[in-house]
Amino acid sequence: MCSRLVPLLILCWYRSPPLPAKKPAEPTVIPDHHKFHVRVMVPCYKESLGTIQNTVEAALDADLPPGSSRTVYLCDDGKDADKKAWAATKAPNVVYVSGRTQAPGEINGKSGNLNNALRNIIYKDYETPAHIPPTELVVVFDADMAAKKCFFVKVLEVMRDQDA
């Protein structure tokens, strides 16, 4: 019993040294030729309008580096009229995507929904994926996810080419 208690007491007594103070974060500076267009895709089916609104609003409210832009695509497999009407109030920053045709017995709802939006809406004018500019970034948030305010700034900071 005593042999088990001694290591526990040692662990409880030992304190790690304090961490050094954090330096204030420097603002993210992205060169002009790296001004990103962030495409936020929110696939949904039967989620409530309130859940969708929270996710889309968080994506719209999150900070972007200067010069970058964003478009949110609400990819609704449920063809919900209320979601469509709400998205219309957020245009042009929110695009409602629906109406894909599902093959009989198809079970890949959200992935099929995302592929439909990418092929037929977002990148329909590009011959191949190789023609899509490197400053395009696609982010997928599930219907019940909310982006933190700093999400895009932090992601774009690591997405840019440090040597360019």
C-alpha atoms as a PDB file:
ATOM      1  CA  MET A   1       0.000   0.000   0.000  1.00  0.00           C
ATOM      2  CA  CYS A   2       2.707   2.445   0.974  1.00  0.00           C
ATOM      3  CA  SER A   3       4.696   1.677  -2.203  1.00  0.00           C
ATOM      4  CA  ARG A   4       1.688   2.765  -4.298  1.00  0.00           C
ATOM      5  CA  LEU A   5       1.157   5.952  -2.331  1.00  0.00           C
ATOM      6  CA  VAL A   6       4.716   7.316  -2.578  1.00  0.00           C
ATOM      7  CA  PRO A   7       4.730   7.787  -6.408  1.00  0.00           C
ATOM      8  CA  LEU A   8       1.318   9.426  -6.173  1.00  0.00           C
ATOM      9  CA  LEU A   9       2.559  11.846  -3.530  1.00  0.00           C
ATOM     10  CA  ILE A  10       5.635  12.646  -5.617  1.00  0.00           C
ATOM     11  CA  LEU A  11       3.469  13.380  -8.666  1.00  0.00           C
ATOM     12  CA  CYS A  12       1.159  15.589  -6.626  1.00  0.00           C
ATOM     13  CA  TRP A  13       4.089  17.489  -5.068  1.00  0.00           C
ATOM     14  CA  TYR A  14       6.040  18.090  -8.279  1.00  0.00           C
ATOM     15  CA  ARG A  15       5.129  21.230 -10.187  1.00  0.00           C
ATOM     16  CA  SER A  16       6.309  21.918 -13.670  1.00  0.00           C
ATOM     17  CA  PRO A  17       8.038  25.231 -14.306  1.00  0.00           C
ATOM     18  CA  PRO A  18       5.793  27.989 -15.674  1.00  0.00           C
ATOM     19  CA  LEU A  19       5.540  28.300 -19.425  1.00  0.00           C
ATOM     20  CA  PRO A  20       7.169  31.336 -21.006  1.00  0.00           C
ATOM     21  CA  ALA A  21       4.795  34.198 -21.738  1.00  0.00           C
ATOM     22  CA  LYS A  22       3.253  34.081 -25.204  1.00  0.00           C
ATOM     23  CA  LYS A  23       4.247  36.777 -27.625  1.00  0.00           C
ATOM     24  CA  PRO A  24       1.321  38.751 -29.009  1.00  0.00           C
ATOM     25  CA  ALA A  25       0.177  37.276 -32.291  1.00  0.00           C
ATOM     26  CA  GLU A  26       1.320  39.142 -35.358  1.00  0.00           C
ATOM     27  CA  PRO A  27      -1.369  39.911 -37.903  1.00  0.00           C
ATOM     28  CA  THR A  28      -1.490  37.484 -40.786  1.00  0.00           C
ATOM     29  CA  VAL A  29      -0.138  39.054 -43.939  1.00  0.00           C
ATOM     30  CA  ILE A  30      -0.814  37.196 -47.140  1.00  0.00           C
ATOM     31  CA  PRO A  31       0.894  38.430 -50.328  1.00  0.00           C
ATOM     32  CA  ASP A  32      -1.361  39.911 -53.017  1.00  0.00           C
ATOM     33  CA  HIS A  33      -0.910  36.911 -55.309  1.00  0.00           C
ATOM     34  CA  HIS A  34      -2.215  34.654 -52.520  1.00  0.00           C
ATOM     35  CA  LYS A  35      -5.597  36.257 -51.906  1.00  0.00           C
ATOM     36  CA  PHE A  36      -7.763  33.226 -51.288  1.00  0.00           C
ATOM     37  CA  HIS A  37     -11.357  32.540 -52.186  1.00  0.00           C
ATOM     38  CA  VAL A  38     -12.719  30.264 -49.475  1.00  0.00           C
ATOM     39  CA  ARG A  39     -15.635  28.049 -50.535  1.00  0.00           C
ATOM     40  CA  VAL A  40     -17.468  26.882 -47.413  1.00  0.00           C
ATOM     41  CA  MET A  41     -19.754  23.933 -48.044  1.00  0.00           C
ATOM     42  CA  VAL A  42     -22.449  23.004 -45.535  1.00  0.00           C
ATOM     43  CA  PRO A  43     -24.201  19.753 -46.509  1.00  0.00           C
ATOM     44  CA  CYS A  44     -27.542  19.136 -44.852  1.00  0.00           C
ATOM     45  CA  TYR A  45     -30.564  16.908 -45.120  1.00  0.00           C
ATOM     46  CA  LYS A  46     -33.032  16.956 -42.236  1.00  0.00           C
ATOM     47  CA  GLU A  47     -31.231  19.228 -39.781  1.00  0.00           C
ATOM     48  CA  SER A  48     -33.302  22.056 -38.327  1.00  0.00           C
ATOM     49  CA  LEU A  49     -33.160  25.541 -39.774  1.00  0.00           C
ATOM     50  CA  GLY A  50     -31.787  26.833 -36.455  1.00  0.00           C
ATOM     51  CA  THR A  51     -28.878  24.402 -36.586  1.00  0.00           C
ATOM     52  CA  ILE A  52     -28.110  25.417 -40.169  1.00  0.00           C
ATOM     53  CA  GLN A  53     -28.360  29.117 -39.348  1.00  0.00           C
ATOM     54  CA  ASN A  54     -25.835  28.758 -36.515  1.00  0.00           C
ATOM     55  CA  THR A  55     -23.332  26.981 -38.787  1.00  0.00           C
ATOM     56  CA  VAL A  56     -23.696  29.385 -41.711  1.00  0.00           C
ATOM     57  CA  GLU A  57     -23.630  32.505 -39.514  1.00  0.00           C
ATOM     58  CA  ALA A  58     -20.451  31.299 -37.777  1.00  0.00           C
ATOM     59  CA  ALA A  59     -18.806  30.743 -41.181  1.00  0.00           C
ATOM     60  CA  LEU A  60     -19.866  34.231 -42.316  1.00  0.00           C
ATOM     61  CA  ASP A  61     -18.723  35.886 -39.077  1.00  0.00           C
ATOM     62  CA  ALA A  62     -15.276  34.269 -38.966  1.00  0.00           C
ATOM     63  CA  ASP A  63     -12.402  36.590 -39.816  1.00  0.00           C
ATOM     64  CA  LEU A  64     -10.619  36.436 -43.164  1.00  0.00           C
ATOM     65  CA  PRO A  65      -7.214  37.857 -44.026  1.00  0.00           C
ATOM     66  CA  PRO A  66      -7.440  41.175 -45.912  1.00  0.00           C
ATOM     67  CA  GLY A  67      -8.213  40.717 -49.598  1.00  0.00           C
ATOM     68  CA  SER A  68      -9.546  37.173 -49.245  1.00  0.00           C
ATOM     69  CA  SER A  69     -13.181  36.358 -49.943  1.00  0.00           C
ATOM     70  CA  ARG A  70     -15.676  33.671 -49.016  1.00  0.00           C
ATOM     71  CA  THR A  71     -18.834  32.091 -50.360  1.00  0.00           C
ATOM     72  CA  VAL A  72     -20.944  29.694 -48.301  1.00  0.00           C
ATOM     73  CA  TYR A  73     -22.831  26.958 -50.154  1.00  0.00           C
ATOM     74  CA  LEU A  74     -25.787  25.468 -48.328  1.00  0.00           C
ATOM     75  CA  CYS A  75     -26.022  22.037 -49.979  1.00  0.00           C
ATOM     76  CA  ASP A  76     -29.504  20.843 -49.063  1.00  0.00           C
ATOM     77  CA  ASP A  77     -30.418  17.293 -50.014  1.00  0.00           C
ATOM     78  CA  GLY A  78     -33.764  17.705 -48.260  1.00  0.00           C
ATOM     79  CA  LYS A  79     -34.935  20.480 -50.602  1.00  0.00           C
ATOM     80  CA  ASP A  80     -36.314  22.438 -47.636  1.00  0.00           C
ATOM     81  CA  ALA A  81     -38.216  25.573 -48.713  1.00  0.00           C
ATOM     82  CA  ASP A  82     -37.502  27.338 -45.395  1.00  0.00           C
ATOM     83  CA  LYS A  83     -33.748  26.823 -45.756  1.00  0.00           C
ATOM     84  CA  LYS A  84     -33.899  28.052 -49.341  1.00  0.00           C
ATOM     85  CA  ALA A  85     -35.825  31.188 -48.311  1.00  0.00           C
ATOM     86  CA  TRP A  86     -33.428  31.918 -45.442  1.00  0.00           C
ATOM     87  CA  ALA A  87     -30.357  31.437 -47.684  1.00  0.00           C
ATOM     88  CA  ALA A  88     -31.857  33.902 -50.173  1.00  0.00           C
ATOM     89  CA  THR A  89     -31.789  36.583 -47.457  1.00  0.00           C
ATOM     90  CA  LYS A  90     -28.017  36.067 -47.152  1.00  0.00           C
ATOM     91  CA  ALA A  91     -27.249  36.286 -50.892  1.00  0.00           C
ATOM     92  CA  PRO A  92     -24.770  36.782 -52.484  1.00  0.00           C
ATOM     93  CA  ASN A  93     -22.612  35.452 -49.619  1.00  0.00           C
ATOM     94  CA  VAL A  94     -24.715  32.292 -49.271  1.00  0.00           C
ATOM     95  CA  VAL A  95     -25.701  30.144 -52.231  1.00  0.00           C
ATOM     96  CA  TYR A  96     -28.467  27.562 -51.859  1.00  0.00           C
ATOM     97  CA  VAL A  97     -27.676  24.331 -53.734  1.00  0.00           C
ATOM     98  CA  SER A  98     -30.297  21.622 -54.155  1.00  0.00           C
ATOM     99  CA  GLY A  99     -32.013  19.602 -56.809  1.00  0.00           C
ATOM    100  CA  ARG A 100     -29.479  16.935 -57.626  1.00  0.00           C
ATOM    101  CA  THR A 101     -30.996  13.724 -58.900  1.00  0.00           C
ATOM    102  CA  GLN A 102     -30.288  10.627 -56.893  1.00  0.00           C
ATOM    103  CA  ALA A 103     -29.987   7.252 -58.538  1.00  0.00           C
ATOM    104  CA  PRO A 104     -32.441   4.629 -57.228  1.00  0.00           C
ATOM    105  CA  GLY A 105     -30.967   3.027 -54.114  1.00  0.00           C
ATOM    106  CA  GLU A 106     -28.246   5.667 -53.741  1.00  0.00           C
ATOM    107  CA  ILE A 107     -27.069   5.910 -50.148  1.00  0.00           C
ATOM    108  CA  ASN A 108     -24.254   8.473 -50.366  1.00  0.00           C
ATOM    109  CA  GLY A 109     -26.415  11.504 -49.578  1.00  0.00           C
ATOM    110  CA  LYS A 110     -24.064  14.153 -48.234  1.00  0.00           C
ATOM    111  CA  SER A 111     -21.022  13.076 -50.253  1.00  0.00           C
ATOM    112  CA  GLY A 112     -23.113  12.989 -53.424  1.00  0.00           C
ATOM    113  CA  ASN A 113     -24.489  16.396 -52.505  1.00  0.00           C
ATOM    114  CA  LEU A 114     -20.975  17.838 -52.092  1.00  0.00           C
ATOM    115  CA  ASN A 115     -19.742  16.312 -55.351  1.00  0.00           C
ATOM    116  CA  ASN A 116     -22.761  17.713 -57.175  1.00  0.00           C
ATOM    117  CA  ALA A 117     -22.080  21.227 -55.870  1.00  0.00           C
ATOM    118  CA  LEU A 118     -18.380  21.040 -56.708  1.00  0.00           C
ATOM    119  CA  ARG A 119     -18.883  19.705 -60.247  1.00  0.00           C
ATOM    120  CA  ASN A 120     -22.035  21.506 -61.322  1.00  0.00           C
ATOM    121  CA  ILE A 121     -22.040  24.775 -59.379  1.00  0.00           C
ATOM    122  CA  ILE A 122     -18.682  25.853 -57.957  1.00  0.00           C
ATOM    123  CA  TYR A 123     -16.186  24.582 -60.551  1.00  0.00           C
ATOM    124  CA  LYS A 124     -18.445  23.967 -63.541  1.00  0.00           C
ATOM    125  CA  ASP A 125     -16.383  26.286 -65.771  1.00  0.00           C
ATOM    126  CA  TYR A 126     -13.093  24.415 -65.276  1.00  0.00           C
ATOM    127  CA  GLU A 127     -12.162  21.605 -67.664  1.00  0.00           C
ATOM    128  CA  THR A 128     -10.172  19.634 -65.092  1.00  0.00           C
ATOM    129  CA  PRO A 129      -9.252  20.056 -61.438  1.00  0.00           C
ATOM    130  CA  ALA A 130      -5.750  21.048 -62.590  1.00  0.00           C
ATOM    131  CA  HIS A 131      -7.229  24.287 -63.978  1.00  0.00           C
ATOM    132  CA  ILE A 132      -8.619  25.394 -60.598  1.00  0.00           C
ATOM    133  CA  PRO A 133      -6.447  28.234 -59.208  1.00  0.00           C
ATOM    134  CA  PRO A 134      -4.254  27.368 -56.195  1.00  0.00           C
ATOM    135  CA  THR A 135      -5.845  30.253 -54.278  1.00  0.00           C
ATOM    136  CA  GLU A 136      -9.137  28.340 -54.058  1.00  0.00           C
ATOM    137  CA  LEU A 137      -9.810  26.622 -50.748  1.00  0.00           C
ATOM    138  CA  VAL A 138     -12.778  24.358 -50.043  1.00  0.00           C
ATOM    139  CA  VAL A 139     -13.852  23.871 -46.430  1.00  0.00           C
ATOM    140  CA  VAL A 140     -16.659  21.516 -45.420  1.00  0.00           C
ATOM    141  CA  PHE A 141     -18.553  22.089 -42.187  1.00  0.00           C
ATOM    142  CA  ASP A 142     -21.154  19.533 -41.201  1.00  0.00           C
ATOM    143  CA  ALA A 143     -24.552  21.071 -40.509  1.00  0.00           C
ATOM    144  CA  ASP A 144     -23.973  21.219 -36.749  1.00  0.00           C
ATOM    145  CA  MET A 145     -20.432  22.643 -36.773  1.00  0.00           C
ATOM    146  CA  ALA A 146     -19.624  26.262 -36.013  1.00  0.00           C
ATOM    147  CA  ALA A 147     -16.326  27.821 -37.069  1.00  0.00           C
ATOM    148  CA  LYS A 148     -14.290  29.665 -34.482  1.00  0.00           C
ATOM    149  CA  LYS A 149     -13.720  33.343 -35.238  1.00  0.00           C
ATOM    150  CA  CYS A 150     -10.028  32.731 -36.113  1.00  0.00           C
ATOM    151  CA  PHE A 151     -10.523  29.518 -38.142  1.00  0.00           C
ATOM    152  CA  PHE A 152      -9.969  30.869 -41.668  1.00  0.00           C
ATOM    153  CA  VAL A 153      -7.077  33.142 -40.701  1.00  0.00           C
ATOM    154  CA  LYS A 154      -5.223  30.236 -39.120  1.00  0.00           C
ATOM    155  CA  VAL A 155      -5.975  27.810 -41.957  1.00  0.00           C
ATOM    156  CA  LEU A 156      -5.052  30.254 -44.713  1.00  0.00           C
ATOM    157  CA  GLU A 157      -1.831  31.161 -42.980  1.00  0.00           C
ATOM    158  CA  VAL A 158      -0.566  27.591 -43.354  1.00  0.00           C
ATOM    159  CA  MET A 159      -2.096  27.072 -46.799  1.00  0.00           C
ATOM    160  CA  ARG A 160      -0.065  29.757 -48.510  1.00  0.00           C
ATOM    161  CA  ASP A 161       3.254  28.874 -50.115  1.00  0.00           C
ATOM    162  CA  GLN A 162       5.964  30.300 -47.882  1.00  0.00           C
ATOM    163  CA  ASP A 163       8.476  30.527 -50.755  1.00  0.00           C
ATOM    164  CA  ALA A 164       6.237  32.357 -53.189  1.00  0.00           C
END
